[in-house]
Amino acid sequence: MEASAAMRTDAAEVLDSAIPLLAKNRAASMQVVAERAGISRATLVRLFPTRRHLVQAMTEKILNDCDRALSRAEADTAPVRQVLTAMATEYPPFAQLWNLVYARPDALGVPEVGTRADAIFDRTVEFFERGQSTDLLRKDMSATWLASTFCALAETAWELTLEGYMGARQASGFIPAMLLYGAAA
């Protein structure tokens, strides 16, 4: 264990390491989470007394990050292309929302976050509806399909970035390119 990892006792840093771990292994134990964070299990338990507390904090962070990303992008008012670029730049929370919270809210044992996740997803759908009304986005696909595709592309980009197959800046450029132009040459 490297020295900098051994010093990690900040709850936000622990959540940052727990989110990708639980995205890959939803059954990861508190011991495994602690090891990934570079802290002792006792320190983890001081920060999050139970796995449920950890998962609740993690889902709260993801939901807050999505809300902030949508607000910073001015999803309700800014030009659609600008919003899409801004959302793609801040893709990790949408990837995490899709992977850990929205698609299967009960997978981590916190089904009560479903209502808030639904509200964030609905806001994302509304943005894509606005994109369709400006003729930037296709109208022959539902806005729900487009929003789901955005989240799925964000999830793919996040996973490929975590695994070292692409860089974060590269990923943020690929997401709008795939939505706007598909895979056509």
Protein backbone atom coordinates (compact mmCIF):
# COMPACT_ATOMS: atom_id res chain seq x y z
CA MET A 1 0.00 0.00 0.00
CA GLU A 2 1.48 3.35 -0.95
CA ALA A 3 1.90 6.07 1.67
CA SER A 4 -0.62 8.49 0.13
CA ALA A 5 -3.30 5.79 0.04
CA ALA A 6 -2.63 4.92 3.68
CA MET A 7 -3.43 8.50 4.69
CA ARG A 8 -6.84 8.62 3.05
CA THR A 9 -9.45 9.22 5.69
CA ASP A 10 -11.68 11.73 3.93
CA ALA A 11 -15.20 10.39 3.36
CA ALA A 12 -15.39 11.91 -0.13
CA GLU A 13 -12.16 10.17 -1.16
CA VAL A 14 -13.47 6.89 0.20
CA LEU A 15 -16.66 7.31 -1.80
CA ASP A 16 -14.63 8.11 -4.92
CA SER A 17 -12.85 4.77 -4.58
CA ALA A 18 -15.97 2.82 -3.50
CA ILE A 19 -18.14 3.88 -6.45
CA PRO A 20 -16.10 2.18 -9.20
CA LEU A 21 -15.51 -0.83 -6.96
CA LEU A 22 -19.22 -1.35 -6.28
CA ALA A 23 -20.03 -0.71 -9.94
CA LYS A 24 -17.93 -3.78 -10.76
CA ASN A 25 -18.76 -5.85 -7.68
CA ARG A 26 -21.99 -4.91 -5.94
CA ALA A 27 -21.31 -7.53 -3.26
CA ALA A 28 -17.91 -6.11 -2.26
CA SER A 29 -17.46 -6.30 1.50
CA MET A 30 -16.56 -3.42 3.77
CA GLN A 31 -13.09 -4.97 4.06
CA VAL A 32 -12.64 -4.89 0.29
CA VAL A 33 -13.90 -1.29 0.16
CA ALA A 34 -11.44 -0.32 2.91
CA GLU A 35 -8.56 -2.03 1.10
CA ARG A 36 -9.43 -0.26 -2.17
CA ALA A 37 -9.55 3.08 -0.33
CA GLY A 38 -6.21 2.38 1.33
CA ILE A 39 -7.60 2.58 4.85
CA SER A 40 -8.31 0.14 7.64
CA ARG A 41 -11.73 -1.39 8.06
CA ALA A 42 -11.93 0.40 11.44
CA THR A 43 -11.42 3.77 9.73
CA LEU A 44 -14.05 2.90 7.14
CA VAL A 45 -16.51 1.98 9.90
CA ARG A 46 -15.80 5.28 11.66
CA LEU A 47 -16.74 7.07 8.43
CA PHE A 48 -19.62 4.77 7.46
CA PRO A 49 -20.81 2.59 10.36
CA THR A 50 -22.49 0.03 8.10
CA ARG A 51 -22.44 -0.97 4.46
CA ARG A 52 -25.90 0.55 4.15
CA HIS A 53 -24.54 3.92 5.36
CA LEU A 54 -21.74 3.68 2.81
CA VAL A 55 -24.14 2.84 -0.02
CA GLN A 56 -26.55 5.61 1.00
CA ALA A 57 -23.71 8.15 1.06
CA MET A 58 -22.48 6.88 -2.28
CA THR A 59 -25.89 7.14 -3.97
CA GLU A 60 -26.45 10.58 -2.42
CA LYS A 61 -23.11 11.73 -3.87
CA ILE A 62 -24.00 10.40 -7.33
CA LEU A 63 -27.43 12.07 -7.27
CA ASN A 64 -25.96 15.38 -6.03
CA ASP A 65 -23.25 15.25 -8.70
CA CYS A 66 -25.88 14.69 -11.43
CA ASP A 67 -27.98 17.59 -10.14
CA ARG A 68 -24.92 19.85 -10.09
CA ALA A 69 -23.87 18.77 -13.60
CA LEU A 70 -27.35 19.50 -14.98
CA SER A 71 -27.44 22.87 -13.21
CA ARG A 72 -23.95 23.87 -14.38
CA ALA A 73 -24.84 22.84 -17.93
CA GLU A 74 -28.00 24.97 -17.68
CA ALA A 75 -29.87 22.00 -19.11
CA ASP A 76 -33.20 23.83 -19.15
CA THR A 77 -32.11 27.01 -20.92
CA ALA A 78 -28.68 27.00 -22.60
CA PRO A 79 -28.26 26.13 -26.28
CA VAL A 80 -28.71 22.38 -26.77
CA ARG A 81 -25.29 21.69 -28.30
CA GLN A 82 -23.64 23.60 -25.44
CA VAL A 83 -25.60 21.59 -22.85
CA LEU A 84 -24.77 18.30 -24.53
CA THR A 85 -21.07 19.20 -24.53
CA ALA A 86 -21.23 20.26 -20.87
CA MET A 87 -23.05 17.09 -19.84
CA ALA A 88 -20.55 14.99 -21.78
CA THR A 89 -17.68 16.78 -20.06
CA GLU A 90 -19.20 15.83 -16.71
CA TYR A 91 -20.22 12.32 -17.76
CA PRO A 92 -19.06 10.24 -14.73
CA PRO A 93 -22.06 11.00 -12.48
CA PHE A 94 -24.45 10.06 -15.29
CA ALA A 95 -22.52 6.83 -15.83
CA GLN A 96 -22.72 6.12 -12.12
CA LEU A 97 -26.40 7.03 -12.01
CA TRP A 98 -27.08 4.56 -14.81
CA ASN A 99 -24.81 1.84 -13.47
CA LEU A 100 -25.51 2.00 -9.76
CA VAL A 101 -28.71 3.90 -9.07
CA TYR A 102 -31.23 4.26 -11.86
CA ALA A 103 -31.19 1.06 -13.84
CA ARG A 104 -31.50 -1.15 -10.74
CA PRO A 105 -32.04 0.94 -7.59
CA ASP A 106 -32.55 -2.17 -5.45
CA ALA A 107 -29.26 -3.77 -6.56
CA LEU A 108 -27.37 -2.01 -3.80
CA GLY A 109 -30.20 -2.23 -1.30
CA VAL A 110 -31.39 1.39 -1.45
CA PRO A 111 -34.62 1.33 -3.46
CA GLU A 112 -35.75 4.59 -1.80
CA VAL A 113 -33.38 6.58 -4.02
CA GLY A 114 -35.48 5.61 -7.02
CA THR A 115 -37.74 8.67 -6.80
CA ARG A 116 -34.84 11.11 -6.86
CA ALA A 117 -33.07 9.12 -9.59
CA ASP A 118 -36.30 9.20 -11.61
CA ALA A 119 -36.45 12.99 -11.23
CA ILE A 120 -32.88 13.38 -12.51
CA PHE A 121 -33.54 11.03 -15.40
CA ASP A 122 -36.79 12.89 -16.20
CA ARG A 123 -34.82 16.14 -16.30
CA THR A 124 -32.37 14.48 -18.68
CA VAL A 125 -35.25 13.30 -20.88
CA GLU A 126 -36.65 16.84 -20.90
CA PHE A 127 -33.31 18.13 -22.15
CA PHE A 128 -33.37 15.60 -24.99
CA GLU A 129 -36.96 16.60 -25.81
CA ARG A 130 -35.73 20.18 -26.05
CA GLY A 131 -32.94 18.98 -28.33
CA GLN A 132 -35.51 17.33 -30.57
CA SER A 133 -37.62 20.49 -30.69
CA THR A 134 -34.60 22.45 -31.99
CA ASP A 135 -34.02 19.85 -34.72
CA LEU A 136 -30.51 19.11 -33.44
CA LEU A 137 -31.57 15.63 -32.33
CA ARG A 138 -33.55 13.01 -34.20
CA LYS A 139 -37.29 12.94 -33.67
CA ASP A 140 -37.79 9.37 -34.85
CA MET A 141 -36.42 8.09 -31.53
CA SER A 142 -38.02 8.88 -28.22
CA ALA A 143 -36.34 11.35 -25.90
CA THR A 144 -36.30 8.58 -23.30
CA TRP A 145 -34.30 6.43 -25.71
CA LEU A 146 -31.88 9.30 -26.36
CA ALA A 147 -31.46 10.01 -22.63
CA SER A 148 -30.92 6.30 -21.96
CA THR A 149 -28.37 6.18 -24.77
CA PHE A 150 -26.55 9.18 -23.30
CA CYS A 151 -26.36 7.47 -19.90
CA ALA A 152 -25.27 4.18 -21.46
CA LEU A 153 -22.57 5.93 -23.50
CA ALA A 154 -21.46 7.73 -20.34
CA GLU A 155 -21.30 4.39 -18.53
CA THR A 156 -19.25 2.83 -21.33
CA ALA A 157 -16.88 5.82 -21.42
CA TRP A 158 -16.50 5.74 -17.63
CA GLU A 159 -15.70 2.04 -17.59
CA LEU A 160 -13.23 2.32 -20.49
CA THR A 161 -11.56 5.27 -18.77
CA LEU A 162 -11.30 3.38 -15.47
CA GLU A 163 -9.79 0.41 -17.30
CA GLY A 164 -7.29 2.64 -19.12
CA TYR A 165 -8.66 2.11 -22.63
CA MET A 166 -9.35 5.82 -23.18
CA GLY A 167 -8.72 9.16 -21.55
CA ALA A 168 -11.38 11.23 -19.81
CA ARG A 169 -11.12 14.07 -22.34
CA GLN A 170 -11.34 11.60 -25.20
CA ALA A 171 -14.45 10.08 -23.63
CA SER A 172 -16.15 13.44 -23.21
CA GLY A 173 -15.69 14.09 -26.93
CA PHE A 174 -16.89 10.67 -28.03
CA ILE A 175 -20.23 10.87 -26.19
CA PRO A 176 -21.74 13.81 -28.13
CA ALA A 177 -20.14 12.56 -31.36
CA MET A 178 -21.91 9.22 -30.99
CA LEU A 179 -25.21 10.88 -30.10
CA LEU A 180 -25.08 13.40 -32.92
CA TYR A 181 -23.42 11.35 -35.67
CA GLY A 182 -23.56 7.69 -34.60
CA ALA A 183 -20.90 5.32 -35.78
CA ALA A 184 -21.15 6.30 -39.44
CA ALA A 185 -17.89 7.03 -41.23
